[in-house]
Amino acid sequence: MTPTENFEALGLSLPPAPAPVGVYKPCLVDGKYLYLSGHGPVQDDKNLIIGRIGVDFDMDLGKLAARQVGLTMLSTIVANLGSLDKVKRVIKVLGMVNCSPDFGRHPYVINGCSELFAKVWGEENGIGVRSAVGFGSLPDNIPVEIEALFELH
């Protein structure tokens, strides 16, 4: 199955692709690579999920927020490239978690995005290298921000 077919089989919907709110590009193609800037958890109504993990909600809700960030990233890919099928594989994911100082389950939270990518591109191509780190704050108090690097066909 293609990445588009894999995504459709999940029964999920893509939120609107976010427009930049600063001086940056949401994505950049350089040769056979696609770089995605840091994305937040945009919901279907264009609002962001807001709050800190370990303060406003638990790690399971944080994992769902990370999945929403992944959906937002997929939306950016479709809006700029026309199809998920143009992406060959995930190379690198950097996940940033807005959390309380005592929170230590950053990788668990970022799995929300990584598991989504693995389902879209398959385990061979959907799982790349990754870092998952905690932050004292993120823009607009979003719980998760993720950036990624992909290889194109």
N, C-alpha and C. Protein backbone atom coordinates (compact mmCIF):
# COMPACT_ATOMS: atom_id res chain seq x y z
N MET A 1 0.84 -1.19 0.00
CA MET A 1 0.00 0.00 0.00
C MET A 1 0.89 1.25 0.00
N THR A 2 0.37 2.32 -0.56
CA THR A 2 1.10 3.59 -0.60
C THR A 2 0.95 4.30 0.75
N PRO A 3 1.80 5.28 1.04
CA PRO A 3 1.62 6.05 2.27
C PRO A 3 0.23 6.71 2.36
N THR A 4 -0.27 7.21 1.25
CA THR A 4 -1.61 7.80 1.25
C THR A 4 -2.66 6.77 1.62
N GLU A 5 -2.57 5.58 1.04
CA GLU A 5 -3.51 4.51 1.37
C GLU A 5 -3.37 4.08 2.83
N ASN A 6 -2.14 3.99 3.31
CA ASN A 6 -1.91 3.65 4.72
C ASN A 6 -2.55 4.69 5.63
N PHE A 7 -2.40 5.96 5.29
CA PHE A 7 -3.00 7.01 6.11
C PHE A 7 -4.53 6.91 6.08
N GLU A 8 -5.09 6.74 4.90
CA GLU A 8 -6.55 6.64 4.79
C GLU A 8 -7.10 5.47 5.60
N ALA A 9 -6.35 4.37 5.67
CA ALA A 9 -6.78 3.20 6.43
C ALA A 9 -6.83 3.47 7.93
N LEU A 10 -6.12 4.48 8.40
CA LEU A 10 -6.12 4.81 9.83
C LEU A 10 -7.41 5.52 10.25
N GLY A 11 -8.14 6.09 9.28
CA GLY A 11 -9.39 6.78 9.60
C GLY A 11 -9.19 8.11 10.32
N LEU A 12 -8.00 8.68 10.21
CA LEU A 12 -7.71 9.98 10.83
C LEU A 12 -7.89 11.10 9.81
N SER A 13 -8.01 12.32 10.30
CA SER A 13 -8.12 13.46 9.39
C SER A 13 -6.94 14.40 9.61
N LEU A 14 -6.59 15.11 8.56
CA LEU A 14 -5.52 16.09 8.64
C LEU A 14 -6.08 17.45 9.04
N PRO A 15 -5.43 18.11 9.99
CA PRO A 15 -5.84 19.47 10.31
C PRO A 15 -5.38 20.41 9.20
N PRO A 16 -5.80 21.66 9.22
CA PRO A 16 -5.29 22.61 8.22
C PRO A 16 -3.78 22.79 8.38
N ALA A 17 -3.08 22.89 7.26
CA ALA A 17 -1.63 23.15 7.32
C ALA A 17 -1.43 24.55 7.89
N PRO A 18 -0.57 24.68 8.91
CA PRO A 18 -0.38 25.99 9.51
C PRO A 18 0.45 26.92 8.63
N ALA A 19 0.12 28.19 8.69
CA ALA A 19 0.92 29.22 8.01
C ALA A 19 2.00 29.68 8.97
N PRO A 20 3.16 30.07 8.47
CA PRO A 20 4.22 30.56 9.36
C PRO A 20 3.75 31.77 10.16
N VAL A 21 4.13 31.82 11.43
CA VAL A 21 3.81 32.98 12.27
C VAL A 21 5.09 33.75 12.62
N GLY A 22 6.14 33.47 11.90
CA GLY A 22 7.42 34.15 12.09
C GLY A 22 8.16 34.19 10.77
N VAL A 23 9.43 34.46 10.84
CA VAL A 23 10.26 34.56 9.65
C VAL A 23 10.95 33.21 9.42
N TYR A 24 10.23 32.31 8.78
CA TYR A 24 10.75 30.98 8.47
C TYR A 24 9.85 30.32 7.44
N LYS A 25 10.33 29.22 6.86
CA LYS A 25 9.53 28.42 5.94
C LYS A 25 9.09 27.16 6.70
N PRO A 26 7.84 26.74 6.54
CA PRO A 26 7.39 25.53 7.22
C PRO A 26 8.09 24.28 6.67
N CYS A 27 8.47 24.35 5.39
CA CYS A 27 9.19 23.23 4.80
C CYS A 27 10.12 23.73 3.71
N LEU A 28 11.14 22.95 3.46
CA LEU A 28 12.13 23.30 2.45
C LEU A 28 12.61 22.02 1.78
N VAL A 29 12.56 22.01 0.45
CA VAL A 29 13.10 20.88 -0.31
C VAL A 29 14.50 21.26 -0.77
N ASP A 30 15.45 20.39 -0.48
CA ASP A 30 16.83 20.56 -0.92
C ASP A 30 17.26 19.25 -1.57
N GLY A 31 17.24 19.23 -2.90
CA GLY A 31 17.58 17.99 -3.61
C GLY A 31 16.59 16.90 -3.28
N LYS A 32 17.08 15.82 -2.69
CA LYS A 32 16.20 14.70 -2.36
C LYS A 32 15.75 14.72 -0.90
N TYR A 33 15.92 15.86 -0.23
CA TYR A 33 15.55 15.95 1.18
C TYR A 33 14.47 17.00 1.42
N LEU A 34 13.57 16.69 2.34
CA LEU A 34 12.51 17.59 2.78
C LEU A 34 12.74 17.88 4.26
N TYR A 35 12.94 19.14 4.57
CA TYR A 35 13.09 19.58 5.95
C TYR A 35 11.79 20.22 6.40
N LEU A 36 11.28 19.78 7.55
CA LEU A 36 10.10 20.42 8.13
C LEU A 36 10.52 21.18 9.37
N SER A 37 10.13 22.45 9.44
CA SER A 37 10.36 23.26 10.63
C SER A 37 9.57 22.68 11.80
N GLY A 38 9.86 23.19 12.98
CA GLY A 38 9.11 22.75 14.16
C GLY A 38 7.63 23.02 13.99
N HIS A 39 6.83 22.00 14.26
CA HIS A 39 5.37 22.08 14.17
C HIS A 39 4.77 21.86 15.55
N GLY A 40 3.63 22.48 15.78
CA GLY A 40 2.87 22.28 17.00
C GLY A 40 1.61 21.49 16.72
N PRO A 41 0.85 21.20 17.77
CA PRO A 41 -0.37 20.40 17.63
C PRO A 41 -1.58 21.23 17.19
N VAL A 42 -1.73 21.40 15.88
CA VAL A 42 -2.87 22.12 15.33
C VAL A 42 -4.07 21.17 15.26
N GLN A 43 -5.20 21.64 15.74
CA GLN A 43 -6.42 20.84 15.71
C GLN A 43 -7.24 21.18 14.46
N ASP A 44 -8.28 20.41 14.21
CA ASP A 44 -9.11 20.62 13.02
C ASP A 44 -9.71 22.01 12.95
N ASP A 45 -9.96 22.63 14.11
CA ASP A 45 -10.53 23.99 14.13
C ASP A 45 -9.45 25.08 14.06
N LYS A 46 -8.22 24.70 13.77
CA LYS A 46 -7.05 25.59 13.64
C LYS A 46 -6.47 26.05 14.97
N ASN A 47 -7.10 25.70 16.08
CA ASN A 47 -6.56 26.05 17.39
C ASN A 47 -5.46 25.07 17.79
N LEU A 48 -4.56 25.53 18.64
CA LEU A 48 -3.49 24.69 19.14
C LEU A 48 -3.91 24.01 20.44
N ILE A 49 -3.39 22.82 20.68
CA ILE A 49 -3.49 22.21 22.00
C ILE A 49 -2.50 22.98 22.88
N ILE A 50 -2.93 23.37 24.06
CA ILE A 50 -2.13 24.20 24.95
C ILE A 50 -1.97 23.51 26.31
N GLY A 51 -0.79 23.59 26.89
CA GLY A 51 -0.57 23.10 28.24
C GLY A 51 0.75 22.36 28.38
N ARG A 52 1.19 22.20 29.61
CA ARG A 52 2.44 21.50 29.93
C ARG A 52 2.16 20.10 30.42
N ILE A 53 2.99 19.18 29.99
CA ILE A 53 2.86 17.79 30.41
C ILE A 53 3.46 17.67 31.81
N GLY A 54 2.73 16.97 32.67
CA GLY A 54 3.13 16.87 34.06
C GLY A 54 2.57 17.99 34.91
N VAL A 55 1.91 18.96 34.27
CA VAL A 55 1.27 20.07 34.98
C VAL A 55 -0.20 20.13 34.60
N ASP A 56 -0.47 20.33 33.31
CA ASP A 56 -1.85 20.48 32.82
C ASP A 56 -2.46 19.17 32.38
N PHE A 57 -1.63 18.22 31.95
CA PHE A 57 -2.13 16.89 31.60
C PHE A 57 -1.02 15.86 31.68
N ASP A 58 -1.42 14.59 31.61
CA ASP A 58 -0.47 13.49 31.82
C ASP A 58 0.21 13.08 30.53
N MET A 59 1.11 12.10 30.63
CA MET A 59 1.90 11.69 29.48
C MET A 59 1.06 11.05 28.38
N ASP A 60 -0.05 10.42 28.72
CA ASP A 60 -0.89 9.82 27.68
C ASP A 60 -1.55 10.89 26.82
N LEU A 61 -1.99 11.97 27.44
CA LEU A 61 -2.53 13.09 26.66
C LEU A 61 -1.41 13.79 25.89
N GLY A 62 -0.22 13.79 26.49
CA GLY A 62 0.93 14.33 25.77
C GLY A 62 1.25 13.52 24.53
N LYS A 63 1.13 12.20 24.63
CA LYS A 63 1.37 11.33 23.47
C LYS A 63 0.34 11.62 22.37
N LEU A 64 -0.91 11.84 22.75
CA LEU A 64 -1.93 12.21 21.76
C LEU A 64 -1.63 13.56 21.14
N ALA A 65 -1.09 14.49 21.93
CA ALA A 65 -0.70 15.80 21.37
C ALA A 65 0.43 15.62 20.36
N ALA A 66 1.37 14.71 20.65
CA ALA A 66 2.47 14.45 19.71
C ALA A 66 1.93 13.82 18.42
N ARG A 67 0.93 12.96 18.54
CA ARG A 67 0.31 12.41 17.32
C ARG A 67 -0.34 13.54 16.52
N GLN A 68 -0.95 14.49 17.22
CA GLN A 68 -1.57 15.62 16.52
C GLN A 68 -0.51 16.46 15.81
N VAL A 69 0.66 16.60 16.42
CA VAL A 69 1.76 17.29 15.75
C VAL A 69 2.13 16.52 14.48
N GLY A 70 2.21 15.20 14.57
CA GLY A 70 2.50 14.39 13.38
C GLY A 70 1.48 14.60 12.29
N LEU A 71 0.21 14.66 12.65
CA LEU A 71 -0.84 14.93 11.66
C LEU A 71 -0.67 16.30 11.04
N THR A 72 -0.28 17.27 11.84
CA THR A 72 -0.04 18.62 11.33
C THR A 72 1.12 18.61 10.33
N MET A 73 2.15 17.84 10.64
CA MET A 73 3.30 17.73 9.74
C MET A 73 2.88 17.06 8.42
N LEU A 74 2.06 16.02 8.51
CA LEU A 74 1.55 15.37 7.29
C LEU A 74 0.75 16.36 6.46
N SER A 75 -0.02 17.20 7.11
CA SER A 75 -0.80 18.22 6.41
C SER A 75 0.11 19.19 5.66
N THR A 76 1.21 19.58 6.28
CA THR A 76 2.18 20.46 5.63
C THR A 76 2.79 19.77 4.41
N ILE A 77 3.09 18.49 4.53
CA ILE A 77 3.64 17.75 3.40
C ILE A 77 2.66 17.74 2.24
N VAL A 78 1.41 17.41 2.51
CA VAL A 78 0.39 17.35 1.45
C VAL A 78 0.18 18.74 0.84
N ALA A 79 0.12 19.77 1.67
CA ALA A 79 -0.11 21.13 1.17
C ALA A 79 1.03 21.62 0.28
N ASN A 80 2.25 21.18 0.56
CA ASN A 80 3.40 21.69 -0.18
C ASN A 80 3.90 20.76 -1.27
N LEU A 81 3.73 19.46 -1.11
CA LEU A 81 4.21 18.50 -2.12
C LEU A 81 3.07 17.85 -2.90
N GLY A 82 1.85 17.94 -2.40
CA GLY A 82 0.71 17.36 -3.09
C GLY A 82 0.34 15.96 -2.66
N SER A 83 1.27 15.23 -2.04
CA SER A 83 0.99 13.84 -1.66
C SER A 83 2.02 13.32 -0.67
N LEU A 84 1.57 12.48 0.23
CA LEU A 84 2.49 11.78 1.13
C LEU A 84 3.36 10.79 0.37
N ASP A 85 2.90 10.38 -0.81
CA ASP A 85 3.61 9.37 -1.60
C ASP A 85 4.94 9.88 -2.16
N LYS A 86 5.17 11.19 -2.10
CA LYS A 86 6.44 11.73 -2.59
C LYS A 86 7.57 11.55 -1.58
N VAL A 87 7.21 11.20 -0.34
CA VAL A 87 8.21 10.96 0.69
C VAL A 87 8.59 9.49 0.68
N LYS A 88 9.89 9.24 0.58
CA LYS A 88 10.40 7.87 0.58
C LYS A 88 10.53 7.32 2.00
N ARG A 89 11.14 8.15 2.90
CA ARG A 89 11.33 7.67 4.26
C ARG A 89 11.61 8.82 5.22
N VAL A 90 11.40 8.52 6.49
CA VAL A 90 11.73 9.41 7.58
C VAL A 90 13.20 9.21 7.90
N ILE A 91 13.95 10.30 7.99
CA ILE A 91 15.36 10.20 8.35
C ILE A 91 15.57 10.57 9.81
N LYS A 92 15.05 11.72 10.25
CA LYS A 92 15.32 12.21 11.60
C LYS A 92 14.11 12.95 12.15
N VAL A 93 13.83 12.72 13.42
CA VAL A 93 12.77 13.43 14.14
C VAL A 93 13.39 14.01 15.40
N LEU A 94 13.10 15.27 15.67
CA LEU A 94 13.48 15.91 16.92
C LEU A 94 12.20 16.33 17.62
N GLY A 95 11.94 15.72 18.77
CA GLY A 95 10.74 16.01 19.53
C GLY A 95 11.06 16.78 20.80
N MET A 96 10.38 17.89 20.99
CA MET A 96 10.57 18.75 22.16
C MET A 96 9.30 18.74 23.00
N VAL A 97 9.45 18.44 24.28
CA VAL A 97 8.31 18.28 25.17
C VAL A 97 8.32 19.39 26.22
N ASN A 98 7.25 20.15 26.28
CA ASN A 98 7.05 21.20 27.28
C ASN A 98 6.53 20.52 28.54
N CYS A 99 7.37 20.44 29.56
CA CYS A 99 6.99 19.62 30.71
C CYS A 99 7.53 20.18 32.02
N SER A 100 7.03 19.62 33.10
CA SER A 100 7.51 19.97 34.42
C SER A 100 8.94 19.45 34.58
N PRO A 101 9.73 20.07 35.47
CA PRO A 101 11.13 19.68 35.62
C PRO A 101 11.33 18.22 36.04
N ASP A 102 10.35 17.63 36.72
CA ASP A 102 10.51 16.25 37.18
C ASP A 102 10.01 15.21 36.17
N PHE A 103 9.49 15.65 35.03
CA PHE A 103 8.99 14.72 34.02
C PHE A 103 10.17 14.11 33.26
N GLY A 104 10.14 12.80 33.06
CA GLY A 104 11.26 12.13 32.39
C GLY A 104 10.88 11.20 31.26
N ARG A 105 9.62 11.19 30.86
CA ARG A 105 9.16 10.22 29.85
C ARG A 105 9.02 10.87 28.47
N HIS A 106 9.96 11.71 28.11
CA HIS A 106 9.91 12.42 26.83
C HIS A 106 9.80 11.46 25.64
N PRO A 107 10.59 10.37 25.59
CA PRO A 107 10.46 9.44 24.45
C PRO A 107 9.05 8.85 24.33
N TYR A 108 8.42 8.54 25.46
CA TYR A 108 7.06 7.99 25.42
C TYR A 108 6.11 8.98 24.73
N VAL A 109 6.23 10.25 25.08
CA VAL A 109 5.36 11.27 24.48
C VAL A 109 5.60 11.35 22.98
N ILE A 110 6.84 11.44 22.55
CA ILE A 110 7.17 11.61 21.14
C ILE A 110 6.80 10.37 20.33
N ASN A 111 6.65 9.22 20.99
CA ASN A 111 6.17 8.03 20.29
C ASN A 111 4.83 8.28 19.60
N GLY A 112 4.05 9.22 20.09
CA GLY A 112 2.77 9.53 19.44
C GLY A 112 2.96 9.92 17.98
N CYS A 113 3.99 10.66 17.69
CA CYS A 113 4.31 11.04 16.31
C CYS A 113 5.03 9.91 15.60
N SER A 114 6.00 9.32 16.25
CA SER A 114 6.80 8.25 15.61
C SER A 114 5.94 7.06 15.22
N GLU A 115 5.00 6.68 16.05
CA GLU A 115 4.10 5.56 15.73
C GLU A 115 3.23 5.90 14.52
N LEU A 116 2.78 7.15 14.43
CA LEU A 116 1.99 7.58 13.27
C LEU A 116 2.82 7.45 11.99
N PHE A 117 4.05 7.97 12.01
CA PHE A 117 4.91 7.89 10.83
C PHE A 117 5.19 6.44 10.44
N ALA A 118 5.37 5.56 11.44
CA ALA A 118 5.62 4.15 11.16
C ALA A 118 4.41 3.50 10.48
N LYS A 119 3.21 3.94 10.83
CA LYS A 119 2.01 3.40 10.20
C LYS A 119 1.83 3.94 8.79
N VAL A 120 2.23 5.18 8.55
CA VAL A 120 2.07 5.78 7.22
C VAL A 120 3.10 5.23 6.24
N TRP A 121 4.38 5.20 6.63
CA TRP A 121 5.43 4.77 5.70
C TRP A 121 5.94 3.37 5.96
N GLY A 122 5.36 2.66 6.93
CA GLY A 122 5.81 1.32 7.28
C GLY A 122 7.01 1.39 8.20
N GLU A 123 7.27 0.32 8.92
CA GLU A 123 8.35 0.34 9.91
C GLU A 123 9.72 0.53 9.27
N GLU A 124 9.93 -0.01 8.08
CA GLU A 124 11.23 0.13 7.42
C GLU A 124 11.53 1.58 7.05
N ASN A 125 10.55 2.29 6.53
CA ASN A 125 10.76 3.66 6.05
C ASN A 125 10.20 4.74 6.98
N GLY A 126 9.34 4.36 7.90
CA GLY A 126 8.69 5.34 8.74
C GLY A 126 9.37 5.60 10.07
N ILE A 127 10.40 4.81 10.37
CA ILE A 127 11.13 4.99 11.62
C ILE A 127 12.56 5.40 11.28
N GLY A 128 12.92 6.60 11.71
CA GLY A 128 14.28 7.10 11.50
C GLY A 128 14.99 7.26 12.82
N VAL A 129 16.07 8.01 12.82
CA VAL A 129 16.74 8.34 14.07
C VAL A 129 15.93 9.43 14.76
N ARG A 130 16.12 9.54 16.09
CA ARG A 130 15.25 10.46 16.82
C ARG A 130 15.89 10.95 18.10
N SER A 131 15.53 12.15 18.47
CA SER A 131 15.84 12.70 19.79
C SER A 131 14.53 13.17 20.40
N ALA A 132 14.38 12.96 21.70
CA ALA A 132 13.20 13.41 22.43
C ALA A 132 13.70 14.07 23.71
N VAL A 133 13.46 15.37 23.84
CA VAL A 133 14.02 16.12 24.96
C VAL A 133 12.96 16.99 25.62
N GLY A 134 13.20 17.31 26.88
CA GLY A 134 12.29 18.16 27.64
C GLY A 134 12.71 19.61 27.63
N PHE A 135 11.73 20.49 27.65
CA PHE A 135 11.95 21.94 27.66
C PHE A 135 11.12 22.56 28.77
N GLY A 136 11.59 23.69 29.27
CA GLY A 136 10.86 24.42 30.29
C GLY A 136 9.68 25.20 29.74
N SER A 137 9.72 25.48 28.43
CA SER A 137 8.60 26.15 27.78
C SER A 137 8.73 25.96 26.27
N LEU A 138 7.62 26.10 25.58
CA LEU A 138 7.57 26.08 24.12
C LEU A 138 6.66 27.21 23.68
N PRO A 139 6.73 27.64 22.41
CA PRO A 139 5.90 28.76 21.94
C PRO A 139 4.41 28.56 22.24
N ASP A 140 3.77 29.61 22.69
CA ASP A 140 2.33 29.61 23.00
C ASP A 140 1.94 28.58 24.05
N ASN A 141 2.91 28.04 24.77
CA ASN A 141 2.67 27.00 25.79
C ASN A 141 2.13 25.70 25.19
N ILE A 142 2.53 25.39 23.94
CA ILE A 142 2.14 24.10 23.36
C ILE A 142 2.88 22.99 24.10
N PRO A 143 2.29 21.78 24.18
CA PRO A 143 2.93 20.70 24.92
C PRO A 143 4.06 20.01 24.15
N VAL A 144 4.00 20.07 22.83
CA VAL A 144 4.97 19.34 22.01
C VAL A 144 5.27 20.15 20.75
N GLU A 145 6.54 20.19 20.36
CA GLU A 145 6.96 20.71 19.07
C GLU A 145 7.89 19.68 18.45
N ILE A 146 7.70 19.43 17.15
CA ILE A 146 8.51 18.41 16.47
C ILE A 146 8.97 18.95 15.13
N GLU A 147 10.23 18.68 14.80
CA GLU A 147 10.75 18.97 13.47
C GLU A 147 11.28 17.66 12.91
N ALA A 148 11.40 17.60 11.57
CA ALA A 148 11.81 16.33 10.96
C ALA A 148 12.50 16.54 9.63
N LEU A 149 13.25 15.52 9.24
CA LEU A 149 13.94 15.45 7.96
C LEU A 149 13.48 14.17 7.27
N PHE A 150 13.10 14.31 5.99
CA PHE A 150 12.62 13.18 5.19
C PHE A 150 13.45 13.07 3.92
N GLU A 151 13.51 11.85 3.37
CA GLU A 151 14.08 11.64 2.05
C GLU A 151 12.94 11.52 1.06
N LEU A 152 13.09 12.18 -0.09
CA LEU A 152 12.07 12.15 -1.14
C LEU A 152 12.43 11.12 -2.20
N HIS A 153 11.43 10.68 -2.95
CA HIS A 153 11.67 9.76 -4.08
C HIS A 153 12.37 10.49 -5.21
